[in-house]
N, C-alpha and C. Protein backbone atom coordinates (compact mmCIF):
# COMPACT_ATOMS: atom_id res chain seq x y z
N MET A 1 83.09 98.63 40.05
CA MET A 1 83.64 99.74 40.89
C MET A 1 84.12 99.35 42.14
N ASP A 2 85.07 99.87 42.84
CA ASP A 2 85.80 99.29 44.03
C ASP A 2 84.97 99.87 45.14
N ASP A 3 84.15 99.16 45.98
CA ASP A 3 83.41 99.63 47.19
C ASP A 3 84.19 99.47 48.48
N ARG A 4 85.58 99.16 48.54
CA ARG A 4 86.25 99.11 49.67
C ARG A 4 86.54 100.29 50.19
N LYS A 5 86.98 100.36 51.46
CA LYS A 5 86.99 101.50 52.32
C LYS A 5 88.47 102.16 51.85
N PRO A 6 88.70 103.64 51.82
CA PRO A 6 89.93 104.06 51.40
C PRO A 6 91.06 103.37 52.25
N HIS A 7 92.22 103.26 51.38
CA HIS A 7 93.44 102.73 52.04
C HIS A 7 94.67 103.44 51.68
N HIS A 8 95.45 103.99 52.46
CA HIS A 8 96.55 104.70 52.23
C HIS A 8 97.58 104.33 53.22
N LEU A 9 98.96 104.43 52.54
CA LEU A 9 100.20 104.28 53.34
C LEU A 9 101.13 105.32 53.22
N ILE A 10 101.71 105.80 54.14
CA ILE A 10 102.59 106.99 54.31
C ILE A 10 103.86 106.53 55.19
N LEU A 11 104.99 106.47 54.41
CA LEU A 11 106.20 105.94 55.06
C LEU A 11 106.97 107.10 55.15
N ASN A 12 107.47 107.64 56.43
CA ASN A 12 108.33 108.81 56.54
C ASN A 12 109.63 108.52 56.80
N ALA A 13 110.75 108.58 56.12
CA ALA A 13 112.10 108.31 56.23
C ALA A 13 112.32 106.86 56.89
N ARG A 14 111.52 105.81 56.69
CA ARG A 14 111.55 104.51 56.96
C ARG A 14 111.35 104.32 58.43
N ASN A 15 110.98 105.21 59.15
CA ASN A 15 110.94 105.06 60.59
C ASN A 15 109.42 105.32 61.22
N ARG A 16 108.64 105.85 60.23
CA ARG A 16 107.27 106.20 60.89
C ARG A 16 106.27 105.92 59.70
N LEU A 17 105.41 104.88 59.92
CA LEU A 17 104.46 104.32 58.82
C LEU A 17 103.08 104.73 59.40
N SER A 18 102.27 105.41 58.57
CA SER A 18 100.89 105.79 58.90
C SER A 18 100.09 104.77 57.80
N VAL A 19 99.11 104.24 58.22
CA VAL A 19 98.00 103.39 57.53
C VAL A 19 96.75 103.62 57.80
N SER A 20 95.93 103.81 56.79
CA SER A 20 94.30 103.99 56.88
C SER A 20 93.81 102.94 56.39
N GLY A 21 92.41 102.70 56.63
CA GLY A 21 91.79 101.57 56.07
C GLY A 21 91.86 100.23 56.77
N VAL A 22 92.52 100.51 58.29
CA VAL A 22 92.76 99.28 59.05
C VAL A 22 91.40 98.77 59.60
N SER A 23 91.07 97.44 59.56
CA SER A 23 90.01 96.85 60.29
C SER A 23 90.51 96.06 61.54
N ASP A 24 91.74 95.73 61.63
CA ASP A 24 92.07 94.73 62.88
C ASP A 24 93.60 94.80 62.75
N VAL A 25 94.00 94.35 63.95
CA VAL A 25 95.68 94.00 64.02
C VAL A 25 95.73 92.61 64.54
N GLY A 26 96.21 91.79 63.77
CA GLY A 26 96.24 90.49 64.01
C GLY A 26 97.28 90.00 65.10
N SER A 27 98.68 90.89 64.97
CA SER A 27 99.64 90.62 66.10
C SER A 27 100.79 91.56 65.63
N PHE A 28 101.77 91.81 66.68
CA PHE A 28 102.64 92.77 66.50
C PHE A 28 103.61 92.50 67.60
N ASP A 29 104.94 92.77 67.30
CA ASP A 29 106.13 92.55 68.03
C ASP A 29 107.11 93.58 67.75
N GLU A 30 108.25 93.60 68.13
CA GLU A 30 109.45 94.57 67.69
C GLU A 30 109.88 94.21 66.26
N ASN A 31 109.56 92.98 65.64
CA ASN A 31 109.91 92.70 64.24
C ASN A 31 108.91 92.72 63.34
N SER A 32 107.62 92.68 63.78
CA SER A 32 106.48 92.60 62.64
C SER A 32 105.38 93.14 63.25
N VAL A 33 104.38 93.71 62.36
CA VAL A 33 103.29 94.22 62.62
C VAL A 33 102.20 93.59 61.49
N VAL A 34 101.24 92.69 61.79
CA VAL A 34 100.38 92.19 60.93
C VAL A 34 98.89 92.72 61.15
N CYS A 35 98.37 93.46 60.19
CA CYS A 35 97.07 94.01 60.38
C CYS A 35 96.19 93.74 59.09
N MET A 36 94.84 93.77 59.39
CA MET A 36 94.05 93.38 58.06
C MET A 36 93.43 94.79 57.70
N THR A 37 93.53 95.22 56.55
CA THR A 37 92.96 96.44 55.78
C THR A 37 92.04 96.05 54.85
N SER A 38 91.37 97.15 54.32
CA SER A 38 90.20 96.91 53.21
C SER A 38 90.85 96.42 52.04
N HIS A 39 92.17 96.41 51.82
CA HIS A 39 92.80 95.90 50.68
C HIS A 39 93.78 94.58 50.91
N GLY A 40 93.49 93.94 51.88
CA GLY A 40 94.21 92.79 52.16
C GLY A 40 95.07 92.72 53.61
N THR A 41 95.69 91.66 53.73
CA THR A 41 96.50 91.72 55.09
C THR A 41 97.69 92.21 54.86
N LEU A 42 98.10 93.33 55.70
CA LEU A 42 99.52 94.04 55.59
C LEU A 42 100.41 93.55 56.53
N ILE A 43 101.45 93.21 56.17
CA ILE A 43 102.67 92.67 56.92
C ILE A 43 103.88 93.62 56.91
N VAL A 44 104.07 94.15 57.92
CA VAL A 44 105.17 95.06 58.09
C VAL A 44 106.40 94.36 58.89
N ARG A 45 107.48 94.47 58.26
CA ARG A 45 108.68 93.82 58.96
C ARG A 45 109.69 94.84 59.20
N GLY A 46 110.60 94.66 60.32
CA GLY A 46 111.63 95.68 60.65
C GLY A 46 112.22 95.33 61.86
N THR A 47 112.77 96.39 62.50
CA THR A 47 113.46 96.24 63.84
C THR A 47 112.93 97.35 64.69
N GLY A 48 112.69 97.09 66.01
CA GLY A 48 112.41 98.16 66.81
C GLY A 48 110.85 98.86 66.76
N LEU A 49 110.04 97.81 66.06
CA LEU A 49 108.63 98.34 65.68
C LEU A 49 107.93 98.53 66.90
N LYS A 50 107.05 99.36 66.94
CA LYS A 50 106.00 99.53 67.90
C LYS A 50 104.76 100.22 67.43
N VAL A 51 103.67 99.82 68.01
CA VAL A 51 102.52 100.52 67.59
C VAL A 51 102.20 101.76 68.40
N ASP A 52 102.40 102.89 67.67
CA ASP A 52 102.23 104.32 68.37
C ASP A 52 100.89 104.74 68.49
N LYS A 53 99.99 104.21 67.56
CA LYS A 53 98.61 104.97 67.46
C LYS A 53 97.76 103.77 66.72
N LEU A 54 96.64 103.53 67.47
CA LEU A 54 95.71 102.45 66.88
C LEU A 54 94.41 102.83 67.21
N SER A 55 93.69 103.13 66.13
CA SER A 55 92.24 103.48 66.18
C SER A 55 91.32 102.51 65.23
N ILE A 56 90.69 101.58 65.51
CA ILE A 56 89.99 100.62 64.90
C ILE A 56 88.77 101.34 64.35
N GLU A 57 88.29 102.10 65.28
CA GLU A 57 87.06 102.87 64.71
C GLU A 57 87.32 103.79 63.66
N GLY A 58 88.44 104.58 63.69
CA GLY A 58 88.91 105.41 62.60
C GLY A 58 89.69 104.80 61.40
N GLY A 59 89.90 103.50 61.62
CA GLY A 59 90.80 102.77 60.69
C GLY A 59 92.33 103.30 60.42
N GLU A 60 92.75 103.74 61.55
CA GLU A 60 94.08 104.43 61.62
C GLU A 60 95.24 103.73 62.47
N LEU A 61 96.25 103.47 61.84
CA LEU A 61 97.33 102.77 62.65
C LEU A 61 98.69 103.55 62.22
N THR A 62 99.52 103.63 63.41
CA THR A 62 100.85 104.49 63.22
C THR A 62 101.77 103.44 63.88
N VAL A 63 102.81 103.15 62.96
CA VAL A 63 104.02 102.35 63.58
C VAL A 63 105.35 102.99 63.45
N GLU A 64 106.03 103.00 64.59
CA GLU A 64 107.39 103.42 64.60
C GLU A 64 108.39 102.62 64.62
N GLY A 65 109.53 102.73 64.16
CA GLY A 65 110.76 101.81 64.06
C GLY A 65 111.19 101.94 62.83
N LYS A 66 112.39 101.08 62.54
CA LYS A 66 112.96 100.95 61.42
C LYS A 66 112.14 99.78 60.40
N VAL A 67 111.53 100.32 59.34
CA VAL A 67 110.65 99.56 58.55
C VAL A 67 111.55 98.96 57.47
N ASP A 68 111.70 97.84 57.34
CA ASP A 68 112.55 97.10 56.13
C ASP A 68 111.49 96.56 55.22
N CYS A 69 110.34 96.13 55.19
CA CYS A 69 109.63 95.30 54.12
C CYS A 69 108.09 95.62 54.59
N ILE A 70 107.32 95.91 53.60
CA ILE A 70 106.05 96.11 53.47
C ILE A 70 105.49 95.10 52.51
N THR A 71 104.55 94.23 52.85
CA THR A 71 103.92 93.11 51.85
C THR A 71 102.21 93.01 52.20
N TYR A 72 101.73 92.74 51.15
CA TYR A 72 100.22 92.32 51.33
C TYR A 72 100.13 90.82 50.86
N GLU A 73 99.05 90.27 51.53
CA GLU A 73 98.70 89.14 51.22
C GLU A 73 97.17 89.10 51.10
N ASP A 74 96.61 88.72 49.91
CA ASP A 74 95.17 88.70 49.76
C ASP A 74 94.47 87.65 50.71
N ALA A 75 93.31 87.76 50.96
CA ALA A 75 92.49 86.86 51.92
C ALA A 75 92.43 85.29 50.91
N GLN A 76 92.26 85.37 49.73
CA GLN A 76 92.31 84.12 49.01
C GLN A 76 93.55 83.47 48.93
N THR A 77 94.65 84.03 49.04
CA THR A 77 95.87 83.42 49.02
C THR A 77 96.06 82.13 49.60
N GLN A 78 96.32 80.85 48.93
CA GLN A 78 96.37 79.56 49.66
C GLN A 78 97.90 79.60 50.24
N GLY A 79 98.13 79.02 51.35
CA GLY A 79 99.40 78.92 52.09
C GLY A 79 100.20 80.31 52.19
N GLY A 80 99.31 81.25 52.74
CA GLY A 80 99.86 82.51 53.05
C GLY A 80 100.39 82.63 54.33
N PHE A 81 100.60 83.86 54.85
CA PHE A 81 101.34 84.06 56.15
C PHE A 81 100.70 83.26 57.27
N PHE A 82 99.49 83.11 57.41
CA PHE A 82 98.81 82.68 58.55
C PHE A 82 98.93 81.24 58.55
N SER A 83 98.73 80.47 57.27
CA SER A 83 99.05 79.21 57.23
C SER A 83 100.28 78.54 57.44
N ARG A 84 101.20 79.41 57.26
CA ARG A 84 102.57 79.11 57.44
C ARG A 84 103.10 79.31 59.00
N LEU A 85 102.34 80.26 59.69
CA LEU A 85 102.62 80.62 61.02
C LEU A 85 102.14 79.47 62.09
N PHE A 86 100.95 78.73 61.41
CA PHE A 86 100.25 77.86 62.28
C PHE A 86 100.43 76.42 61.96
N ARG A 87 101.65 76.15 61.14
CA ARG A 87 101.96 74.74 60.87
C ARG A 87 102.37 74.05 61.88
């Protein structure tokens, strides 16, 4: 049985992304948002991205801007996003 917190993504017209199950935001700028969720590290890429709403207590994140790509990286992945970032 999966005991992780509920996690949902809602992308509306590629310009508003709502995410639940967020435990932390690692970094963000106008081209990417990296956040930790109950189901792995979520990486959102696009243009003109901004964090519109963030509630770590509630596990909610809302990102506005043009979303081009949404990917996950598991914590156990060798050579993932963070290892490439800090080379």
